[in-house]
Amino acid sequence: AVVSTQSTGMLSRVSRIARLEANNEAIQKQAVSAGNMNKTLLEENSALKKSSEGKEDLLEEIKQMEELKDQVKAAERKAEQSKADAEAMRKQSENLTMEYDRLLIEHQKLQDTVMPTDKKDE
């Protein structure tokens, strides 16, 4: 009976060792797989960084183009405003010229009234 108990204990230990070895082997396979996955991910990350470097430059150029477009639009608005201001000044100048001419005629009439230019009287 003692031998039977010892052999059962021994079988139990052998079975336990076999399970531990199987678990150990599975863990080692998982570790190798994780290592391979890590290597693959690092390579993909490196490739993405290389491809994104050019994209960052492109994005910066696009940003600069957008800024230039905004500057052009602002300059166009300023030019339109300057054109409108110039047109307003031209109209004002025309009105001033017409008013000056009217005042010259009125002045001449007043002078003619005050001092007739009839040379026959002299």
PDB file of N, CA and C in Angstrom:
ATOM      1  N   ALA A   1       0.826  -1.185   0.000  1.00  0.00           N
ATOM      2  CA  ALA A   1       0.000   0.000   0.000  1.00  0.00           C
ATOM      3  C   ALA A   1       0.866   1.243   0.000  1.00  0.00           C
ATOM      4  N   VAL A   2       2.024   1.196   0.671  1.00  0.00           N
ATOM      5  CA  VAL A   2       2.934   2.334   0.719  1.00  0.00           C
ATOM      6  C   VAL A   2       3.522   2.564  -0.667  1.00  0.00           C
ATOM      7  N   VAL A   3       3.841   1.444  -1.341  1.00  0.00           N
ATOM      8  CA  VAL A   3       4.416   1.552  -2.681  1.00  0.00           C
ATOM      9  C   VAL A   3       3.381   2.144  -3.618  1.00  0.00           C
ATOM     10  N   SER A   4       2.151   1.735  -3.455  1.00  0.00           N
ATOM     11  CA  SER A   4       1.081   2.236  -4.304  1.00  0.00           C
ATOM     12  C   SER A   4       0.878   3.725  -4.082  1.00  0.00           C
ATOM     13  N   THR A   5       0.941   4.186  -2.859  1.00  0.00           N
ATOM     14  CA  THR A   5       0.784   5.602  -2.546  1.00  0.00           C
ATOM     15  C   THR A   5       1.963   6.376  -3.106  1.00  0.00           C
ATOM     16  N   GLN A   6       3.154   5.810  -2.969  1.00  0.00           N
ATOM     17  CA  GLN A   6       4.333   6.485  -3.497  1.00  0.00           C
ATOM     18  C   GLN A   6       4.276   6.559  -5.017  1.00  0.00           C
ATOM     19  N   SER A   7       3.844   5.472  -5.640  1.00  0.00           N
ATOM     20  CA  SER A   7       3.786   5.500  -7.096  1.00  0.00           C
ATOM     21  C   SER A   7       2.687   6.440  -7.575  1.00  0.00           C
ATOM     22  N   THR A   8       1.579   6.569  -6.829  1.00  0.00           N
ATOM     23  CA  THR A   8       0.524   7.518  -7.192  1.00  0.00           C
ATOM     24  C   THR A   8       1.067   8.931  -7.032  1.00  0.00           C
ATOM     25  N   GLY A   9       1.786   9.181  -5.954  1.00  0.00           N
ATOM     26  CA  GLY A   9       2.394  10.494  -5.734  1.00  0.00           C
ATOM     27  C   GLY A   9       3.403  10.812  -6.820  1.00  0.00           C
ATOM     28  N   MET A  10       4.156   9.776  -7.183  1.00  0.00           N
ATOM     29  CA  MET A  10       5.161   9.952  -8.216  1.00  0.00           C
ATOM     30  C   MET A  10       4.488  10.244  -9.558  1.00  0.00           C
ATOM     31  N   LEU A  11       3.435   9.504  -9.862  1.00  0.00           N
ATOM     32  CA  LEU A  11       2.714   9.733 -11.112  1.00  0.00           C
ATOM     33  C   LEU A  11       2.103  11.140 -11.134  1.00  0.00           C
ATOM     34  N   SER A  12       1.623  11.557  -9.985  1.00  0.00           N
ATOM     35  CA  SER A  12       1.035  12.887  -9.876  1.00  0.00           C
ATOM     36  C   SER A  12       2.098  13.956 -10.139  1.00  0.00           C
ATOM     37  N   ARG A  13       3.282  13.740  -9.587  1.00  0.00           N
ATOM     38  CA  ARG A  13       4.359  14.702  -9.800  1.00  0.00           C
ATOM     39  C   ARG A  13       4.807  14.714 -11.255  1.00  0.00           C
ATOM     40  N   VAL A  14       4.928  13.519 -11.845  1.00  0.00           N
ATOM     41  CA  VAL A  14       5.341  13.425 -13.247  1.00  0.00           C
ATOM     42  C   VAL A  14       4.306  14.123 -14.138  1.00  0.00           C
ATOM     43  N   SER A  15       3.044  13.893 -13.825  1.00  0.00           N
ATOM     44  CA  SER A  15       1.965  14.528 -14.593  1.00  0.00           C
ATOM     45  C   SER A  15       2.033  16.047 -14.426  1.00  0.00           C
ATOM     46  N   ARG A  16       2.279  16.477 -13.222  1.00  0.00           N
ATOM     47  CA  ARG A  16       2.378  17.918 -12.951  1.00  0.00           C
ATOM     48  C   ARG A  16       3.579  18.519 -13.688  1.00  0.00           C
ATOM     49  N   ILE A  17       4.699  17.818 -13.681  1.00  0.00           N
ATOM     50  CA  ILE A  17       5.894  18.286 -14.383  1.00  0.00           C
ATOM     51  C   ILE A  17       5.618  18.353 -15.884  1.00  0.00           C
ATOM     52  N   ALA A  18       4.913  17.369 -16.394  1.00  0.00           N
ATOM     53  CA  ALA A  18       4.582  17.345 -17.820  1.00  0.00           C
ATOM     54  C   ALA A  18       3.702  18.557 -18.170  1.00  0.00           C
ATOM     55  N   ARG A  19       2.723  18.858 -17.314  1.00  0.00           N
ATOM     56  CA  ARG A  19       1.857  20.027 -17.546  1.00  0.00           C
ATOM     57  C   ARG A  19       2.669  21.321 -17.476  1.00  0.00           C
ATOM     58  N   LEU A  20       3.571  21.412 -16.499  1.00  0.00           N
ATOM     59  CA  LEU A  20       4.403  22.610 -16.370  1.00  0.00           C
ATOM     60  C   LEU A  20       5.313  22.780 -17.588  1.00  0.00           C
ATOM     61  N   GLU A  21       5.877  21.655 -18.067  1.00  0.00           N
ATOM     62  CA  GLU A  21       6.731  21.730 -19.257  1.00  0.00           C
ATOM     63  C   GLU A  21       5.914  22.162 -20.477  1.00  0.00           C
ATOM     64  N   ALA A  22       4.672  21.652 -20.586  1.00  0.00           N
ATOM     65  CA  ALA A  22       3.809  22.040 -21.711  1.00  0.00           C
ATOM     66  C   ALA A  22       3.465  23.525 -21.606  1.00  0.00           C
ATOM     67  N   ASN A  23       3.150  23.979 -20.387  1.00  0.00           N
ATOM     68  CA  ASN A  23       2.862  25.411 -20.186  1.00  0.00           C
ATOM     69  C   ASN A  23       4.088  26.257 -20.505  1.00  0.00           C
ATOM     70  N   ASN A  24       5.252  25.785 -20.070  1.00  0.00           N
ATOM     71  CA  ASN A  24       6.498  26.505 -20.317  1.00  0.00           C
ATOM     72  C   ASN A  24       6.752  26.610 -21.823  1.00  0.00           C
ATOM     73  N   GLU A  25       6.533  25.517 -22.525  1.00  0.00           N
ATOM     74  CA  GLU A  25       6.728  25.511 -23.980  1.00  0.00           C
ATOM     75  C   GLU A  25       5.750  26.467 -24.655  1.00  0.00           C
ATOM     76  N   ALA A  26       4.506  26.485 -24.207  1.00  0.00           N
ATOM     77  CA  ALA A  26       3.503  27.391 -24.777  1.00  0.00           C
ATOM     78  C   ALA A  26       3.883  28.842 -24.505  1.00  0.00           C
ATOM     79  N   ILE A  27       4.363  29.109 -23.291  1.00  0.00           N
ATOM     80  CA  ILE A  27       4.777  30.476 -22.931  1.00  0.00           C
ATOM     81  C   ILE A  27       5.970  30.897 -23.783  1.00  0.00           C
ATOM     82  N   GLN A  28       6.912  29.982 -24.004  1.00  0.00           N
ATOM     83  CA  GLN A  28       8.071  30.310 -24.838  1.00  0.00           C
ATOM     84  C   GLN A  28       7.638  30.616 -26.277  1.00  0.00           C
ATOM     85  N   LYS A  29       6.674  29.822 -26.792  1.00  0.00           N
ATOM     86  CA  LYS A  29       6.173  30.082 -28.147  1.00  0.00           C
ATOM     87  C   LYS A  29       5.486  31.449 -28.209  1.00  0.00           C
ATOM     88  N   GLN A  30       4.711  31.759 -27.161  1.00  0.00           N
ATOM     89  CA  GLN A  30       4.047  33.064 -27.110  1.00  0.00           C
ATOM     90  C   GLN A  30       5.076  34.195 -27.050  1.00  0.00           C
ATOM     91  N   ALA A  31       6.153  33.992 -26.294  1.00  0.00           N
ATOM     92  CA  ALA A  31       7.194  35.015 -26.179  1.00  0.00           C
ATOM     93  C   ALA A  31       7.877  35.225 -27.531  1.00  0.00           C
ATOM     94  N   VAL A  32       8.175  34.135 -28.239  1.00  0.00           N
ATOM     95  CA  VAL A  32       8.791  34.244 -29.561  1.00  0.00           C
ATOM     96  C   VAL A  32       7.839  34.961 -30.514  1.00  0.00           C
ATOM     97  N   SER A  33       6.563  34.590 -30.448  1.00  0.00           N
ATOM     98  CA  SER A  33       5.558  35.226 -31.305  1.00  0.00           C
ATOM     99  C   SER A  33       5.441  36.715 -30.983  1.00  0.00           C
ATOM    100  N   ALA A  34       5.432  37.051 -29.689  1.00  0.00           N
ATOM    101  CA  ALA A  34       5.359  38.460 -29.280  1.00  0.00           C
ATOM    102  C   ALA A  34       6.604  39.213 -29.751  1.00  0.00           C
ATOM    103  N   GLY A  35       7.757  38.585 -29.660  1.00  0.00           N
ATOM    104  CA  GLY A  35       9.002  39.207 -30.131  1.00  0.00           C
ATOM    105  C   GLY A  35       8.940  39.473 -31.631  1.00  0.00           C
ATOM    106  N   ASN A  36       8.452  38.482 -32.380  1.00  0.00           N
ATOM    107  CA  ASN A  36       8.312  38.669 -33.834  1.00  0.00           C
ATOM    108  C   ASN A  36       7.315  39.783 -34.154  1.00  0.00           C
ATOM    109  N   MET A  37       6.210  39.804 -33.406  1.00  0.00           N
ATOM    110  CA  MET A  37       5.196  40.847 -33.612  1.00  0.00           C
ATOM    111  C   MET A  37       5.792  42.211 -33.309  1.00  0.00           C
ATOM    112  N   ASN A  38       6.566  42.305 -32.225  1.00  0.00           N
ATOM    113  CA  ASN A  38       7.205  43.563 -31.848  1.00  0.00           C
ATOM    114  C   ASN A  38       8.160  44.035 -32.956  1.00  0.00           C
ATOM    115  N   LYS A  39       8.952  43.099 -33.490  1.00  0.00           N
ATOM    116  CA  LYS A  39       9.883  43.436 -34.561  1.00  0.00           C
ATOM    117  C   LYS A  39       9.122  43.942 -35.782  1.00  0.00           C
ATOM    118  N   THR A  40       8.038  43.258 -36.129  1.00  0.00           N
ATOM    119  CA  THR A  40       7.226  43.665 -37.284  1.00  0.00           C
ATOM    120  C   THR A  40       6.636  45.055 -37.063  1.00  0.00           C
ATOM    121  N   LEU A  41       6.108  45.301 -35.859  1.00  0.00           N
ATOM    122  CA  LEU A  41       5.515  46.599 -35.559  1.00  0.00           C
ATOM    123  C   LEU A  41       6.557  47.717 -35.595  1.00  0.00           C
ATOM    124  N   LEU A  42       7.756  47.442 -35.087  1.00  0.00           N
ATOM    125  CA  LEU A  42       8.823  48.442 -35.133  1.00  0.00           C
ATOM    126  C   LEU A  42       9.203  48.773 -36.575  1.00  0.00           C
ATOM    127  N   GLU A  43       9.266  47.744 -37.422  1.00  0.00           N
ATOM    128  CA  GLU A  43       9.588  47.971 -38.837  1.00  0.00           C
ATOM    129  C   GLU A  43       8.488  48.797 -39.507  1.00  0.00           C
ATOM    130  N   GLU A  44       7.217  48.457 -39.220  1.00  0.00           N
ATOM    131  CA  GLU A  44       6.099  49.205 -39.792  1.00  0.00           C
ATOM    132  C   GLU A  44       6.122  50.654 -39.296  1.00  0.00           C
ATOM    133  N   ASN A  45       6.413  50.832 -38.007  1.00  0.00           N
ATOM    134  CA  ASN A  45       6.476  52.173 -37.440  1.00  0.00           C
ATOM    135  C   ASN A  45       7.572  52.995 -38.130  1.00  0.00           C
ATOM    136  N   SER A  46       8.715  52.366 -38.333  1.00  0.00           N
ATOM    137  CA  SER A  46       9.824  53.051 -39.000  1.00  0.00           C
ATOM    138  C   SER A  46       9.428  53.430 -40.422  1.00  0.00           C
ATOM    139  N   ALA A  47       8.770  52.513 -41.131  1.00  0.00           N
ATOM    140  CA  ALA A  47       8.331  52.800 -42.495  1.00  0.00           C
ATOM    141  C   ALA A  47       7.307  53.934 -42.509  1.00  0.00           C
ATOM    142  N   LEU A  48       6.402  53.931 -41.540  1.00  0.00           N
ATOM    143  CA  LEU A  48       5.394  54.995 -41.459  1.00  0.00           C
ATOM    144  C   LEU A  48       6.047  56.343 -41.174  1.00  0.00           C
ATOM    145  N   LYS A  49       7.045  56.340 -40.286  1.00  0.00           N
ATOM    146  CA  LYS A  49       7.741  57.589 -39.992  1.00  0.00           C
ATOM    147  C   LYS A  49       8.414  58.129 -41.245  1.00  0.00           C
ATOM    148  N   LYS A  50       9.063  57.231 -42.018  1.00  0.00           N
ATOM    149  CA  LYS A  50       9.738  57.669 -43.245  1.00  0.00           C
ATOM    150  C   LYS A  50       8.734  58.228 -44.237  1.00  0.00           C
ATOM    151  N   SER A  51       7.599  57.556 -44.376  1.00  0.00           N
ATOM    152  CA  SER A  51       6.606  58.034 -45.348  1.00  0.00           C
ATOM    153  C   SER A  51       5.917  59.302 -44.854  1.00  0.00           C
ATOM    154  N   SER A  52       5.808  59.470 -43.547  1.00  0.00           N
ATOM    155  CA  SER A  52       5.135  60.664 -43.026  1.00  0.00           C
ATOM    156  C   SER A  52       6.047  61.888 -43.068  1.00  0.00           C
ATOM    157  N   GLU A  53       7.371  61.682 -43.131  1.00  0.00           N
ATOM    158  CA  GLU A  53       8.286  62.819 -43.211  1.00  0.00           C
ATOM    159  C   GLU A  53       7.997  63.642 -44.455  1.00  0.00           C
ATOM    160  N   GLY A  54       7.840  62.988 -45.575  1.00  0.00           N
ATOM    161  CA  GLY A  54       7.512  63.693 -46.808  1.00  0.00           C
ATOM    162  C   GLY A  54       6.151  64.342 -46.720  1.00  0.00           C
ATOM    163  N   LYS A  55       5.227  63.679 -46.040  1.00  0.00           N
ATOM    164  CA  LYS A  55       3.881  64.219 -45.899  1.00  0.00           C
ATOM    165  C   LYS A  55       3.885  65.459 -45.019  1.00  0.00           C
ATOM    166  N   GLU A  56       4.727  65.472 -44.010  1.00  0.00           N
ATOM    167  CA  GLU A  56       4.821  66.651 -43.139  1.00  0.00           C
ATOM    168  C   GLU A  56       5.306  67.851 -43.948  1.00  0.00           C
ATOM    169  N   ASP A  57       6.300  67.615 -44.818  1.00  0.00           N
ATOM    170  CA  ASP A  57       6.779  68.692 -45.681  1.00  0.00           C
ATOM    171  C   ASP A  57       5.662  69.167 -46.604  1.00  0.00           C
ATOM    172  N   LEU A  58       4.918  68.205 -47.145  1.00  0.00           N
ATOM    173  CA  LEU A  58       3.813  68.541 -48.035  1.00  0.00           C
ATOM    174  C   LEU A  58       2.739  69.314 -47.282  1.00  0.00           C
ATOM    175  N   LEU A  59       2.433  68.885 -46.069  1.00  0.00           N
ATOM    176  CA  LEU A  59       1.439  69.591 -45.262  1.00  0.00           C
ATOM    177  C   LEU A  59       1.892  71.012 -44.950  1.00  0.00           C
ATOM    178  N   GLU A  60       3.179  71.186 -44.693  1.00  0.00           N
ATOM    179  CA  GLU A  60       3.721  72.529 -44.424  1.00  0.00           C
ATOM    180  C   GLU A  60       3.597  73.405 -45.675  1.00  0.00           C
ATOM    181  N   GLU A  61       3.882  72.817 -46.838  1.00  0.00           N
ATOM    182  CA  GLU A  61       3.746  73.574 -48.079  1.00  0.00           C
ATOM    183  C   GLU A  61       2.293  73.952 -48.330  1.00  0.00           C
ATOM    184  N   ILE A  62       1.374  73.036 -48.048  1.00  0.00           N
ATOM    185  CA  ILE A  62      -0.054  73.327 -48.221  1.00  0.00           C
ATOM    186  C   ILE A  62      -0.464  74.450 -47.288  1.00  0.00           C
ATOM    187  N   LYS A  63       0.024  74.404 -46.058  1.00  0.00           N
ATOM    188  CA  LYS A  63      -0.286  75.464 -45.087  1.00  0.00           C
ATOM    189  C   LYS A  63       0.224  76.816 -45.593  1.00  0.00           C
ATOM    190  N   GLN A  64       1.439  76.827 -46.131  1.00  0.00           N
ATOM    191  CA  GLN A  64       2.010  78.060 -46.662  1.00  0.00           C
ATOM    192  C   GLN A  64       1.199  78.564 -47.850  1.00  0.00           C
ATOM    193  N   MET A  65       0.737  77.637 -48.699  1.00  0.00           N
ATOM    194  CA  MET A  65      -0.082  78.036 -49.843  1.00  0.00           C
ATOM    195  C   MET A  65      -1.393  78.659 -49.371  1.00  0.00           C
ATOM    196  N   GLU A  66      -2.000  78.080 -48.341  1.00  0.00           N
ATOM    197  CA  GLU A  66      -3.243  78.634 -47.802  1.00  0.00           C
ATOM    198  C   GLU A  66      -3.006  80.041 -47.245  1.00  0.00           C
ATOM    199  N   GLU A  67      -1.879  80.230 -46.558  1.00  0.00           N
ATOM    200  CA  GLU A  67      -1.545  81.549 -46.038  1.00  0.00           C
ATOM    201  C   GLU A  67      -1.352  82.550 -47.180  1.00  0.00           C
ATOM    202  N   LEU A  68      -0.688  82.103 -48.251  1.00  0.00           N
ATOM    203  CA  LEU A  68      -0.485  82.983 -49.400  1.00  0.00           C
ATOM    204  C   LEU A  68      -1.814  83.318 -50.067  1.00  0.00           C
ATOM    205  N   LYS A  69      -2.715  82.342 -50.151  1.00  0.00           N
ATOM    206  CA  LYS A  69      -4.038  82.605 -50.721  1.00  0.00           C
ATOM    207  C   LYS A  69      -4.761  83.670 -49.895  1.00  0.00           C
ATOM    208  N   ASP A  70      -4.664  83.548 -48.574  1.00  0.00           N
ATOM    209  CA  ASP A  70      -5.294  84.532 -47.692  1.00  0.00           C
ATOM    210  C   ASP A  70      -4.685  85.923 -47.913  1.00  0.00           C
ATOM    211  N   GLN A  71      -3.370  85.975 -48.077  1.00  0.00           N
ATOM    212  CA  GLN A  71      -2.706  87.256 -48.321  1.00  0.00           C
ATOM    213  C   GLN A  71      -3.139  87.855 -49.651  1.00  0.00           C
ATOM    214  N   VAL A  72      -3.291  86.998 -50.671  1.00  0.00           N
ATOM    215  CA  VAL A  72      -3.733  87.482 -51.981  1.00  0.00           C
ATOM    216  C   VAL A  72      -5.153  88.036 -51.872  1.00  0.00           C
ATOM    217  N   LYS A  73      -6.025  87.323 -51.179  1.00  0.00           N
ATOM    218  CA  LYS A  73      -7.406  87.793 -51.000  1.00  0.00           C
ATOM    219  C   LYS A  73      -7.426  89.134 -50.272  1.00  0.00           C
ATOM    220  N   ALA A  74      -6.602  89.266 -49.251  1.00  0.00           N
ATOM    221  CA  ALA A  74      -6.534  90.527 -48.504  1.00  0.00           C
ATOM    222  C   ALA A  74      -6.034  91.648 -49.419  1.00  0.00           C
ATOM    223  N   ALA A  75      -5.047  91.357 -50.238  1.00  0.00           N
ATOM    224  CA  ALA A  75      -4.513  92.364 -51.165  1.00  0.00           C
ATOM    225  C   ALA A  75      -5.564  92.744 -52.210  1.00  0.00           C
ATOM    226  N   GLU A  76      -6.335  91.754 -52.672  1.00  0.00           N
ATOM    227  CA  GLU A  76      -7.396  92.045 -53.640  1.00  0.00           C
ATOM    228  C   GLU A  76      -8.465  92.943 -53.012  1.00  0.00           C
ATOM    229  N   ARG A  77      -8.834  92.653 -51.764  1.00  0.00           N
ATOM    230  CA  ARG A  77      -9.820  93.500 -51.073  1.00  0.00           C
ATOM    231  C   ARG A  77      -9.282  94.923 -50.916  1.00  0.00           C
ATOM    232  N   LYS A  78      -8.007  95.024 -50.565  1.00  0.00           N
ATOM    233  CA  LYS A  78      -7.389  96.338 -50.390  1.00  0.00           C
ATOM    234  C   LYS A  78      -7.362  97.087 -51.724  1.00  0.00           C
ATOM    235  N   ALA A  79      -7.054  96.382 -52.811  1.00  0.00           N
ATOM    236  CA  ALA A  79      -7.020  97.006 -54.131  1.00  0.00           C
ATOM    237  C   ALA A  79      -8.416  97.481 -54.524  1.00  0.00           C
ATOM    238  N   GLU A  80      -9.435  96.665 -54.251  1.00  0.00           N
ATOM    239  CA  GLU A  80     -10.814  97.074 -54.558  1.00  0.00           C
ATOM    240  C   GLU A  80     -11.201  98.319 -53.759  1.00  0.00           C
ATOM    241  N   GLN A  81     -10.794  98.344 -52.486  1.00  0.00           N
ATOM    242  CA  GLN A  81     -11.098  99.509 -51.650  1.00  0.00           C
ATOM    243  C   GLN A  81     -10.380 100.748 -52.179  1.00  0.00           C
ATOM    244  N   SER A  82      -9.129 100.578 -52.588  1.00  0.00           N
ATOM    245  CA  SER A  82      -8.372 101.705 -53.144  1.00  0.00           C
ATOM    246  C   SER A  82      -9.019 102.197 -54.437  1.00  0.00           C
ATOM    247  N   LYS A  83      -9.493 101.263 -55.257  1.00  0.00           N
ATOM    248  CA  LYS A  83     -10.161 101.629 -56.501  1.00  0.00           C
ATOM    249  C   LYS A  83     -11.438 102.414 -56.196  1.00  0.00           C
ATOM    250  N   ALA A  84     -12.206 101.951 -55.208  1.00  0.00           N
ATOM    251  CA  ALA A  84     -13.433 102.652 -54.830  1.00  0.00           C
ATOM    252  C   ALA A  84     -13.110 104.039 -54.278  1.00  0.00           C
ATOM    253  N   ASP A  85     -12.048 104.130 -53.474  1.00  0.00           N
ATOM    254  CA  ASP A  85     -11.639 105.432 -52.936  1.00  0.00           C
ATOM    255  C   ASP A  85     -11.228 106.387 -54.061  1.00  0.00           C
ATOM    256  N   ALA A  86     -10.484 105.870 -55.035  1.00  0.00           N
ATOM    257  CA  ALA A  86     -10.042 106.698 -56.157  1.00  0.00           C
ATOM    258  C   ALA A  86     -11.248 107.178 -56.962  1.00  0.00           C
ATOM    259  N   GLU A  87     -12.223 106.304 -57.188  1.00  0.00           N
ATOM    260  CA  GLU A  87     -13.433 106.695 -57.925  1.00  0.00           C
ATOM    261  C   GLU A  87     -14.196 107.766 -57.161  1.00  0.00           C
ATOM    262  N   ALA A  88     -14.297 107.626 -55.845  1.00  0.00           N
ATOM    263  CA  ALA A  88     -14.984 108.643 -55.032  1.00  0.00           C
ATOM    264  C   ALA A  88     -14.249 109.983 -55.116  1.00  0.00           C
ATOM    265  N   MET A  89     -12.926 109.943 -55.075  1.00  0.00           N
ATOM    266  CA  MET A  89     -12.150 111.186 -55.170  1.00  0.00           C
ATOM    267  C   MET A  89     -12.306 111.820 -56.551  1.00  0.00           C
ATOM    268  N   ARG A  90     -12.381 111.011 -57.621  1.00  0.00           N
ATOM    269  CA  ARG A  90     -12.571 111.541 -58.973  1.00  0.00           C
ATOM    270  C   ARG A  90     -13.919 112.262 -59.077  1.00  0.00           C
ATOM    271  N   LYS A  91     -14.959 111.624 -58.523  1.00  0.00           N
ATOM    272  CA  LYS A  91     -16.283 112.245 -58.557  1.00  0.00           C
ATOM    273  C   LYS A  91     -16.297 113.550 -57.752  1.00  0.00           C
ATOM    274  N   GLN A  92     -15.641 113.506 -56.598  1.00  0.00           N
ATOM    275  CA  GLN A  92     -15.569 114.709 -55.764  1.00  0.00           C
ATOM    276  C   GLN A  92     -14.824 115.821 -56.508  1.00  0.00           C
ATOM    277  N   SER A  93     -13.767 115.458 -57.207  1.00  0.00           N
ATOM    278  CA  SER A  93     -12.998 116.437 -57.974  1.00  0.00           C
ATOM    279  C   SER A  93     -13.848 117.036 -59.090  1.00  0.00           C
ATOM    280  N   GLU A  94     -14.612 116.183 -59.788  1.00  0.00           N
ATOM    281  CA  GLU A  94     -15.505 116.681 -60.840  1.00  0.00           C
ATOM    282  C   GLU A  94     -16.524 117.660 -60.259  1.00  0.00           C
ATOM    283  N   ASN A  95     -17.097 117.293 -59.120  1.00  0.00           N
ATOM    284  CA  ASN A  95     -18.085 118.174 -58.476  1.00  0.00           C
ATOM    285  C   ASN A  95     -17.452 119.503 -58.051  1.00  0.00           C
ATOM    286  N   LEU A  96     -16.243 119.443 -57.532  1.00  0.00           N
ATOM    287  CA  LEU A  96     -15.547 120.671 -57.138  1.00  0.00           C
ATOM    288  C   LEU A  96     -15.253 121.546 -58.357  1.00  0.00           C
ATOM    289  N   THR A  97     -14.863 120.930 -59.464  1.00  0.00           N
ATOM    290  CA  THR A  97     -14.587 121.689 -60.692  1.00  0.00           C
ATOM    291  C   THR A  97     -15.861 122.365 -61.190  1.00  0.00           C
ATOM    292  N   MET A  98     -16.975 121.622 -61.170  1.00  0.00           N
ATOM    293  CA  MET A  98     -18.245 122.223 -61.617  1.00  0.00           C
ATOM    294  C   MET A  98     -18.652 123.370 -60.693  1.00  0.00           C
ATOM    295  N   GLU A  99     -18.473 123.190 -59.392  1.00  0.00           N
ATOM    296  CA  GLU A  99     -18.814 124.247 -58.432  1.00  0.00           C
ATOM    297  C   GLU A  99     -17.903 125.456 -58.632  1.00  0.00           C
ATOM    298  N   TYR A 100     -16.632 125.230 -58.883  1.00  0.00           N
ATOM    299  CA  TYR A 100     -15.689 126.328 -59.133  1.00  0.00           C
ATOM    300  C   TYR A 100     -16.099 127.113 -60.378  1.00  0.00           C
ATOM    301  N   ASP A 101     -16.437 126.360 -61.431  1.00  0.00           N
ATOM    302  CA  ASP A 101     -16.884 127.029 -62.665  1.00  0.00           C
ATOM    303  C   ASP A 101     -18.150 127.850 -62.413  1.00  0.00           C
ATOM    304  N   ARG A 102     -19.089 127.305 -61.657  1.00  0.00           N
ATOM    305  CA  ARG A 102     -20.327 128.027 -61.341  1.00  0.00           C
ATOM    306  C   ARG A 102     -20.019 129.301 -60.553  1.00  0.00           C
ATOM    307  N   LEU A 103     -19.104 129.171 -59.575  1.00  0.00           N
ATOM    308  CA  LEU A 103     -18.733 130.341 -58.776  1.00  0.00           C
ATOM    309  C   LEU A 103     -18.017 131.392 -59.618  1.00  0.00           C
ATOM    310  N   LEU A 104     -17.196 130.976 -60.577  1.00  0.00           N
ATOM    311  CA  LEU A 104     -16.531 131.932 -61.474  1.00  0.00           C
ATOM    312  C   LEU A 104     -17.553 132.711 -62.284  1.00  0.00           C
ATOM    313  N   ILE A 105     -18.552 131.994 -62.803  1.00  0.00           N
ATOM    314  CA  ILE A 105     -19.601 132.663 -63.588  1.00  0.00           C
ATOM    315  C   ILE A 105     -20.374 133.630 -62.698  1.00  0.00           C
ATOM    316  N   GLU A 106     -20.734 133.183 -61.497  1.00  0.00           N
ATOM    317  CA  GLU A 106     -21.459 134.055 -60.557  1.00  0.00           C
ATOM    318  C   GLU A 106     -20.629 135.275 -60.202  1.00  0.00           C
ATOM    319  N   HIS A 107     -19.333 135.056 -59.967  1.00  0.00           N
ATOM    320  CA  HIS A 107     -18.429 136.159 -59.655  1.00  0.00           C
ATOM    321  C   HIS A 107     -18.389 137.165 -60.806  1.00  0.00           C
ATOM    322  N   GLN A 108     -18.302 136.653 -62.010  1.00  0.00           N
ATOM    323  CA  GLN A 108     -18.269 137.535 -63.183  1.00  0.00           C
ATOM    324  C   GLN A 108     -19.565 138.333 -63.289  1.00  0.00           C
ATOM    325  N   LYS A 109     -20.701 137.708 -63.033  1.00  0.00           N
ATOM    326  CA  LYS A 109     -21.988 138.418 -63.089  1.00  0.00           C
ATOM    327  C   LYS A 109     -22.035 139.519 -62.044  1.00  0.00           C
ATOM    328  N   LEU A 110     -21.530 139.190 -60.826  1.00  0.00           N
ATOM    329  CA  LEU A 110     -21.527 140.206 -59.771  1.00  0.00           C
ATOM    330  C   LEU A 110     -20.607 141.365 -60.134  1.00  0.00           C
ATOM    331  N   GLN A 111     -19.464 141.054 -60.707  1.00  0.00           N
ATOM    332  CA  GLN A 111     -18.549 142.128 -61.132  1.00  0.00           C
ATOM    333  C   GLN A 111     -19.180 142.985 -62.221  1.00  0.00           C
ATOM    334  N   ASP A 112     -19.870 142.298 -63.130  1.00  0.00           N
ATOM    335  CA  ASP A 112     -20.531 143.046 -64.206  1.00  0.00           C
ATOM    336  C   ASP A 112     -21.624 143.939 -63.637  1.00  0.00           C
ATOM    337  N   THR A 113     -22.284 143.509 -62.580  1.00  0.00           N
ATOM    338  CA  THR A 113     -23.342 144.303 -61.973  1.00  0.00           C
ATOM    339  C   THR A 113     -22.751 145.495 -61.248  1.00  0.00           C
ATOM    340  N   VAL A 114     -21.690 145.282 -60.515  1.00  0.00           N
ATOM    341  CA  VAL A 114     -21.070 146.346 -59.736  1.00  0.00           C
ATOM    342  C   VAL A 114     -20.302 147.292 -60.645  1.00  0.00           C
ATOM    343  N   MET A 115     -19.577 146.786 -61.553  1.00  0.00           N
ATOM    344  CA  MET A 115     -18.756 147.603 -62.441  1.00  0.00           C
ATOM    345  C   MET A 115     -19.085 147.222 -63.877  1.00  0.00           C
ATOM    346  N   PRO A 116     -19.998 147.873 -64.446  1.00  0.00           N
ATOM    347  CA  PRO A 116     -20.323 147.558 -65.848  1.00  0.00           C
ATOM    348  C   PRO A 116     -19.104 147.782 -66.737  1.00  0.00           C
ATOM    349  N   THR A 117     -18.944 146.979 -67.684  1.00  0.00           N
ATOM    350  CA  THR A 117     -17.784 147.089 -68.586  1.00  0.00           C
ATOM    351  C   THR A 117     -18.165 147.784 -69.871  1.00  0.00           C
ATOM    352  N   ASP A 118     -19.182 148.605 -69.803  1.00  0.00           N
ATOM    353  CA  ASP A 118     -19.611 149.337 -70.988  1.00  0.00           C
ATOM    354  C   ASP A 118     -18.613 150.445 -71.283  1.00  0.00           C
ATOM    355  N   LYS A 119     -17.836 150.326 -72.289  1.00  0.00           N
ATOM    356  CA  LYS A 119     -16.760 151.259 -72.623  1.00  0.00           C
ATOM    357  C   LYS A 119     -17.300 152.517 -73.315  1.00  0.00           C
ATOM    358  N   LYS A 120     -18.536 152.476 -73.737  1.00  0.00           N
ATOM    359  CA  LYS A 120     -19.102 153.647 -74.387  1.00  0.00           C
ATOM    360  C   LYS A 120     -19.252 154.794 -73.430  1.00  0.00           C
ATOM    361  N   ASP A 121     -19.503 154.475 -72.134  1.00  0.00           N
ATOM    362  CA  ASP A 121     -19.695 155.505 -71.136  1.00  0.00           C
ATOM    363  C   ASP A 121     -18.393 156.207 -70.819  1.00  0.00           C
ATOM    364  N   GLU A 122     -17.336 155.662 -71.057  1.00  0.00           N
ATOM    365  CA  GLU A 122     -16.044 156.256 -70.674  1.00  0.00           C
ATOM    366  C   GLU A 122     -15.684 157.284 -71.578  1.00  0.00           C
TER     367      GLU A 122
END
